[in-house]
Amino acid sequence: MKLGEAIDDYVAWRQAQGAKFTTARNLLRQFVRDIGAEADCDEISRDQVLAFLVGQGPRTRHGDNKAYALAGFWRFAISRGLAEASPLPSSERRPPLLAPPHIYSRAQLRRLFDPRNVEIALIGTKQLDLNTFRTLLLLLYGAGLRFSEATGLLRDECDLKASVLTIRDTKFYKSRLVPIGMPLGMALARHLSQPPGQRFAPDGGGYLLSNRDGTRLASSTVQTAFDRLRRAADVRGSAGGRSAPRMHDLRHSFAVHRLTAWYREGADVQRLLPVLSTYLGHSDLEGTKVYLTMTPELLNQASMLFARFAHGGADARA
């Protein structure tokens, strides 16, 4: 089968399962441009694949993402008889091992949210202002949003009276309501109270968080600012984890801190896990269960509750 047609089938199949599949789709289409849409799947060589993965430079994380996308495509193609074998080297046929998310400590979060550090991170930045950037970080942690959800949020989707956000542009195309606490609500109210200028449309529309000219925040601009903020706040990775904690780890930290709080309160975590899953917009519980093993404290709390349950403790709740 022709490469272009086979990849179109694979992308359509993944998206029909509910995944946006944006990054992998773009990488696969880049592969089609490099190789040619009319190339036969079984005629693509190992050397062509390696040239796409590495090019002329050293292997990077971007190359790992390419390998992961191609591995998924060839598994699909072989299982459906569209190709007989994969040209990927055997070492590339499994997804790369990813470092676990960095779970920010309370002290690290305080330093990241410190306006003085945020101001340092934005030196020389023209489009992104301090209030917008800091409010974005508070949204990512305080509501556990994905970056695309926070930056795609419109002003009229933020109901501060009801303390609810309406999230429409989700990873799995499912809208959801996200209740928010008082501290985050107050931060959003302060953000919305600033003079409109170009940032907000007169009819109340437009993005909740935007550049100075009202356009949507660009991930490259925000990521550069976050890298500077991380250095200004002296936030470093942990041993065995990521050397450079990510902005997306704010969402992971929200989930872990919520679970930890429930355990400390003696809540029925197993009953509440589906609630957290829905809140985060996960497609199933498996994506939420991974948080249960992310920190030593969570593992310890879970073990203690299990021990009480195993011994018939009256207060066993999980």
Protein backbone atom coordinates (compact mmCIF):
# COMPACT_ATOMS: atom_id res chain seq x y z
CA MET A 1 0.00 0.00 0.00
CA LYS A 2 1.14 3.56 -0.66
CA LEU A 3 2.66 5.32 2.34
CA GLY A 4 0.49 8.44 2.17
CA GLU A 5 -2.74 6.46 2.04
CA ALA A 6 -1.68 4.09 4.81
CA ILE A 7 -0.74 6.92 7.15
CA ASP A 8 -4.03 8.69 6.44
CA ASP A 9 -5.84 5.48 7.43
CA TYR A 10 -3.79 5.21 10.63
CA VAL A 11 -4.41 8.82 11.65
CA ALA A 12 -8.14 8.45 10.98
CA TRP A 13 -8.19 5.25 13.09
CA ARG A 14 -6.45 6.89 16.04
CA GLN A 15 -8.69 9.95 15.93
CA ALA A 16 -11.78 7.74 15.71
CA GLN A 17 -10.67 6.28 19.05
CA GLY A 18 -11.00 9.75 20.57
CA ALA A 19 -7.38 10.94 20.51
CA LYS A 20 -6.48 14.29 18.98
CA PHE A 21 -3.22 12.75 17.80
CA THR A 22 -1.96 16.14 16.64
CA THR A 23 1.77 15.82 17.33
CA ALA A 24 2.13 12.28 15.98
CA ARG A 25 -0.01 13.16 12.95
CA ASN A 26 2.27 16.08 12.10
CA LEU A 27 5.39 13.93 12.50
CA LEU A 28 3.95 11.21 10.28
CA ARG A 29 2.99 13.74 7.62
CA GLN A 30 6.52 15.10 7.76
CA PHE A 31 7.73 11.54 7.14
CA VAL A 32 5.42 11.30 4.12
CA ARG A 33 6.84 14.56 2.73
CA ASP A 34 10.39 13.29 3.19
CA ILE A 35 9.81 9.83 1.70
CA GLY A 36 7.02 10.55 -0.77
CA ALA A 37 3.32 9.73 -0.56
CA GLU A 38 3.55 7.28 -3.47
CA ALA A 39 6.28 5.16 -1.89
CA ASP A 40 5.23 1.60 -1.14
CA CYS A 41 5.22 0.80 2.58
CA ASP A 42 7.32 -2.33 2.01
CA GLU A 43 9.94 -0.51 -0.07
CA ILE A 44 10.95 2.01 2.61
CA SER A 45 14.46 1.21 3.82
CA ARG A 46 16.03 1.24 7.26
CA ASP A 47 18.45 3.95 6.08
CA GLN A 48 15.55 6.21 5.05
CA VAL A 49 13.98 5.78 8.47
CA LEU A 50 17.24 6.51 10.30
CA ALA A 51 17.79 9.63 8.17
CA PHE A 52 14.34 10.83 9.22
CA LEU A 53 14.94 10.05 12.89
CA VAL A 54 18.40 11.55 13.24
CA GLY A 55 19.25 13.62 10.15
CA GLN A 56 22.77 15.01 10.29
CA GLY A 57 22.90 15.73 14.02
CA PRO A 58 22.79 13.77 17.28
CA ARG A 59 19.66 11.96 18.43
CA THR A 60 17.24 14.20 20.33
CA ARG A 61 13.96 13.86 22.21
CA HIS A 62 12.29 15.02 18.99
CA GLY A 63 13.82 11.98 17.31
CA ASP A 64 12.39 9.78 20.06
CA ASN A 65 8.94 11.20 19.35
CA LYS A 66 9.40 10.43 15.65
CA ALA A 67 10.39 6.85 16.46
CA TYR A 68 7.36 6.43 18.72
CA ALA A 69 5.02 7.73 16.00
CA LEU A 70 6.53 5.48 13.32
CA ALA A 71 6.46 2.42 15.60
CA GLY A 72 2.74 2.90 16.19
CA PHE A 73 2.09 3.34 12.48
CA TRP A 74 3.95 0.19 11.48
CA ARG A 75 2.23 -1.91 14.12
CA PHE A 76 -1.06 -0.72 12.64
CA ALA A 77 0.07 -1.32 9.04
CA ILE A 78 1.38 -4.84 9.70
CA SER A 79 -1.69 -5.89 11.70
CA ARG A 80 -3.95 -4.88 8.80
CA GLY A 81 -1.85 -6.32 6.01
CA LEU A 82 -0.81 -2.92 4.68
CA ALA A 83 2.86 -3.82 5.15
CA GLU A 84 4.76 -7.05 5.76
CA ALA A 85 7.54 -5.77 8.03
CA SER A 86 8.77 -2.67 9.82
CA PRO A 87 11.92 -0.89 8.57
CA LEU A 88 12.53 0.47 12.07
CA PRO A 89 15.63 -0.91 13.79
CA SER A 90 14.61 -3.38 16.50
CA SER A 91 15.77 -0.95 19.20
CA GLU A 92 13.28 1.64 17.93
CA ARG A 93 10.18 -0.53 17.88
CA ARG A 94 9.24 0.04 21.49
CA PRO A 95 8.19 3.40 22.94
CA PRO A 96 11.12 5.21 24.56
CA LEU A 97 11.25 5.05 28.34
CA LEU A 98 10.12 8.38 29.69
CA ALA A 99 11.34 9.94 32.89
CA PRO A 100 8.56 10.18 35.49
CA PRO A 101 6.85 13.56 35.92
CA HIS A 102 8.39 15.98 38.38
CA ILE A 103 6.10 16.57 41.35
CA TYR A 104 6.75 20.09 42.57
CA SER A 105 7.16 20.61 46.30
CA ARG A 106 5.17 23.34 48.03
CA ALA A 107 8.36 25.38 48.39
CA GLN A 108 9.11 25.07 44.67
CA LEU A 109 5.57 26.15 43.80
CA ARG A 110 5.88 29.22 46.01
CA ARG A 111 9.06 30.21 44.20
CA LEU A 112 7.52 29.61 40.78
CA PHE A 113 4.49 31.75 41.63
CA ASP A 114 6.57 34.51 43.25
CA PRO A 115 5.92 37.68 41.17
CA ARG A 116 9.56 38.69 41.59
CA ASN A 117 10.77 35.53 39.87
CA VAL A 118 8.06 35.79 37.21
CA GLU A 119 9.17 39.35 36.47
CA ILE A 120 12.78 38.22 36.03
CA ALA A 121 11.65 35.48 33.64
CA LEU A 122 9.84 37.98 31.42
CA ILE A 123 12.71 40.44 30.95
CA GLY A 124 12.89 41.18 27.23
CA THR A 125 9.56 39.51 26.46
CA LYS A 126 7.28 41.81 24.46
CA GLN A 127 3.98 39.95 24.15
CA LEU A 128 3.63 38.15 27.49
CA ASP A 129 3.02 40.19 30.64
CA LEU A 130 3.56 39.25 34.28
CA ASN A 131 -0.10 39.01 35.29
CA THR A 132 -1.04 36.79 32.34
CA PHE A 133 1.91 34.44 32.74
CA ARG A 134 1.44 34.05 36.48
CA THR A 135 -2.31 33.50 36.08
CA LEU A 136 -1.59 30.79 33.50
CA LEU A 137 0.70 28.98 35.94
CA LEU A 138 -1.94 29.21 38.66
CA LEU A 139 -4.52 27.72 36.28
CA LEU A 140 -2.27 24.82 35.30
CA TYR A 141 -1.68 23.93 38.94
CA GLY A 142 -4.85 25.18 40.66
CA ALA A 143 -7.26 23.55 38.18
CA GLY A 144 -4.99 20.83 36.80
CA LEU A 145 -5.54 22.00 33.23
CA ARG A 146 -3.56 21.03 30.16
CA PHE A 147 -1.69 23.89 28.49
CA SER A 148 -3.97 23.82 25.42
CA GLU A 149 -7.06 23.93 27.66
CA ALA A 150 -5.81 26.90 29.67
CA THR A 151 -4.69 28.91 26.65
CA GLY A 152 -7.86 28.08 24.71
CA LEU A 153 -10.19 29.15 27.53
CA LEU A 154 -12.47 32.05 26.57
CA ARG A 155 -13.56 34.80 28.92
CA ASP A 156 -17.21 33.76 28.76
CA GLU A 157 -16.22 30.20 29.72
CA CYS A 158 -15.00 31.45 33.09
CA ASP A 159 -17.97 31.80 35.47
CA LEU A 160 -16.52 33.33 38.63
CA LYS A 161 -19.92 33.63 40.33
CA ALA A 162 -20.40 29.88 40.13
CA SER A 163 -16.64 29.21 40.45
CA VAL A 164 -16.71 26.97 37.38
CA LEU A 165 -14.67 26.81 34.18
CA THR A 166 -16.12 25.28 31.01
CA ILE A 167 -13.40 23.37 29.18
CA ARG A 168 -14.31 22.68 25.56
CA ASP A 169 -11.08 22.13 23.61
CA THR A 170 -10.02 18.92 25.32
CA LYS A 171 -7.56 16.20 24.37
CA PHE A 172 -10.36 13.69 23.77
CA TYR A 173 -12.94 16.13 22.34
CA LYS A 174 -15.07 15.99 25.50
CA SER A 175 -16.28 19.13 27.22
CA ARG A 176 -16.27 19.23 31.01
CA LEU A 177 -17.02 21.58 33.89
CA VAL A 178 -14.12 22.30 36.26
CA PRO A 179 -14.99 23.75 39.69
CA ILE A 180 -12.28 26.01 41.09
CA GLY A 181 -11.39 27.03 44.63
CA MET A 182 -11.48 30.50 46.14
CA PRO A 183 -7.74 31.33 45.78
CA LEU A 184 -7.76 30.57 42.06
CA GLY A 185 -11.07 32.38 41.62
CA MET A 186 -9.58 35.48 43.24
CA ALA A 187 -6.53 35.30 40.96
CA LEU A 188 -8.78 35.08 37.90
CA ALA A 189 -10.88 37.99 39.16
CA ARG A 190 -7.76 40.12 39.53
CA HIS A 191 -6.71 39.19 36.01
CA LEU A 192 -10.10 40.09 34.56
CA SER A 193 -10.23 43.40 36.43
CA GLN A 194 -7.35 44.91 34.46
CA PRO A 195 -8.19 47.60 31.86
CA PRO A 196 -9.49 46.01 28.62
CA GLY A 197 -7.22 47.68 26.07
CA GLN A 198 -6.61 45.43 23.10
CA ARG A 199 -6.53 42.31 25.25
CA PHE A 200 -10.27 41.86 25.74
CA ALA A 201 -12.99 42.28 23.15
CA PRO A 202 -15.66 44.86 24.10
CA ASP A 203 -18.41 42.21 24.00
CA GLY A 204 -16.69 40.16 26.69
CA GLY A 205 -15.35 37.59 24.22
CA GLY A 206 -11.79 36.67 23.47
CA TYR A 207 -9.28 34.53 25.27
CA LEU A 208 -9.11 34.59 29.04
CA LEU A 209 -5.31 34.57 28.75
CA SER A 210 -3.75 36.24 25.75
CA ASN A 211 -0.84 38.19 24.40
CA ARG A 212 -0.83 41.96 24.75
CA ASP A 213 -2.51 42.26 21.35
CA GLY A 214 -5.30 39.83 22.26
CA THR A 215 -3.99 36.86 20.27
CA ARG A 216 -3.71 33.37 21.72
CA LEU A 217 -0.61 32.54 23.76
CA ALA A 218 2.04 30.66 21.78
CA SER A 219 3.54 27.58 23.41
CA SER A 220 7.06 28.53 22.26
CA THR A 221 6.87 31.96 23.91
CA VAL A 222 5.46 30.60 27.16
CA GLN A 223 7.90 27.68 27.25
CA THR A 224 10.87 30.03 26.89
CA ALA A 225 9.52 32.15 29.74
CA PHE A 226 8.97 29.06 31.89
CA ASP A 227 12.54 27.85 31.32
CA ARG A 228 13.78 31.23 32.54
CA LEU A 229 11.38 31.14 35.48
CA ARG A 230 12.56 27.71 36.52
CA ARG A 231 16.14 28.99 36.65
CA ALA A 232 15.17 32.19 38.45
CA ALA A 233 13.23 30.16 41.03
CA ASP A 234 16.06 27.61 41.34
CA VAL A 235 13.74 24.69 40.63
CA ARG A 236 15.66 21.57 39.68
CA GLY A 237 14.76 18.00 38.89
CA SER A 238 15.05 15.15 41.36
CA ALA A 239 17.41 12.19 41.22
CA GLY A 240 16.11 9.59 38.80
CA GLY A 241 13.54 12.00 37.41
CA ARG A 242 13.55 14.79 34.87
CA SER A 243 16.61 17.04 34.87
CA ALA A 244 14.40 19.95 33.80
CA PRO A 245 10.89 19.93 35.32
CA ARG A 246 8.21 20.88 32.80
CA MET A 247 5.30 23.26 32.81
CA HIS A 248 3.00 20.25 32.25
CA ASP A 249 4.26 18.81 35.54
CA LEU A 250 2.14 21.46 37.30
CA ARG A 251 -0.91 19.42 36.24
CA HIS A 252 0.67 16.20 37.51
CA SER A 253 1.55 17.93 40.78
CA PHE A 254 -2.06 19.05 41.22
CA ALA A 255 -3.27 15.46 40.91
CA VAL A 256 -0.68 14.02 43.29
CA HIS A 257 -1.23 16.75 45.88
CA ARG A 258 -5.00 16.19 45.71
CA LEU A 259 -4.61 12.44 46.26
CA THR A 260 -2.15 13.03 49.09
CA ALA A 261 -4.60 15.37 50.80
CA TRP A 262 -7.39 12.80 50.51
CA TYR A 263 -5.23 10.11 52.06
CA ARG A 264 -4.27 12.40 54.93
CA GLU A 265 -7.94 13.19 55.50
CA GLY A 266 -8.77 9.48 55.59
CA ALA A 267 -11.07 9.81 52.57
CA ASP A 268 -12.16 6.86 50.44
CA VAL A 269 -9.59 7.38 47.68
CA GLN A 270 -10.79 4.47 45.54
CA ARG A 271 -14.27 5.99 45.46
CA LEU A 272 -12.89 9.44 44.71
CA LEU A 273 -10.49 8.33 41.98
CA PRO A 274 -13.19 8.46 39.24
CA VAL A 275 -14.04 11.98 40.42
CA LEU A 276 -10.43 13.08 39.93
CA SER A 277 -10.33 11.30 36.57
CA THR A 278 -13.39 13.22 35.36
CA TYR A 279 -12.02 16.49 36.74
CA LEU A 280 -8.75 16.02 34.83
CA GLY A 281 -10.53 15.01 31.63
CA HIS A 282 -8.95 11.56 31.41
CA SER A 283 -10.51 9.11 28.97
CA ASP A 284 -10.38 6.28 31.53
CA LEU A 285 -9.24 5.48 35.06
CA GLU A 286 -5.90 4.01 33.96
CA GLY A 287 -4.53 7.46 33.23
CA THR A 288 -5.43 8.54 36.76
CA LYS A 289 -4.28 5.45 38.65
CA VAL A 290 -0.64 6.12 37.73
CA TYR A 291 -0.64 9.03 40.18
CA LEU A 292 -1.10 6.62 43.08
CA THR A 293 2.51 5.48 42.79
CA MET A 294 4.26 8.74 41.96
CA THR A 295 5.55 9.73 45.39
CA PRO A 296 6.85 7.79 48.40
CA GLU A 297 4.20 9.38 50.61
CA LEU A 298 1.37 8.18 48.39
CA LEU A 299 2.84 4.69 48.28
CA ASN A 300 3.22 4.70 52.05
CA GLN A 301 -0.30 6.00 52.65
CA ALA A 302 -1.75 3.39 50.31
CA SER A 303 0.25 0.62 52.00
CA MET A 304 -0.94 1.68 55.46
CA LEU A 305 -4.57 1.70 54.39
CA PHE A 306 -4.19 -1.67 52.71
CA ALA A 307 -2.59 -3.10 55.86
CA ARG A 308 -5.51 -1.89 57.98
CA PHE A 309 -7.93 -3.38 55.48
CA ALA A 310 -6.05 -6.70 55.37
CA HIS A 311 -6.14 -6.94 59.16
CA GLY A 312 -9.82 -6.08 59.33
CA GLY A 313 -9.32 -2.57 60.70
CA ALA A 314 -12.55 -0.77 61.43
CA ASP A 315 -11.29 2.43 59.82
CA ALA A 316 -10.17 0.85 56.55
CA ARG A 317 -11.70 2.98 53.82
CA ALA A 318 -9.68 2.40 50.66
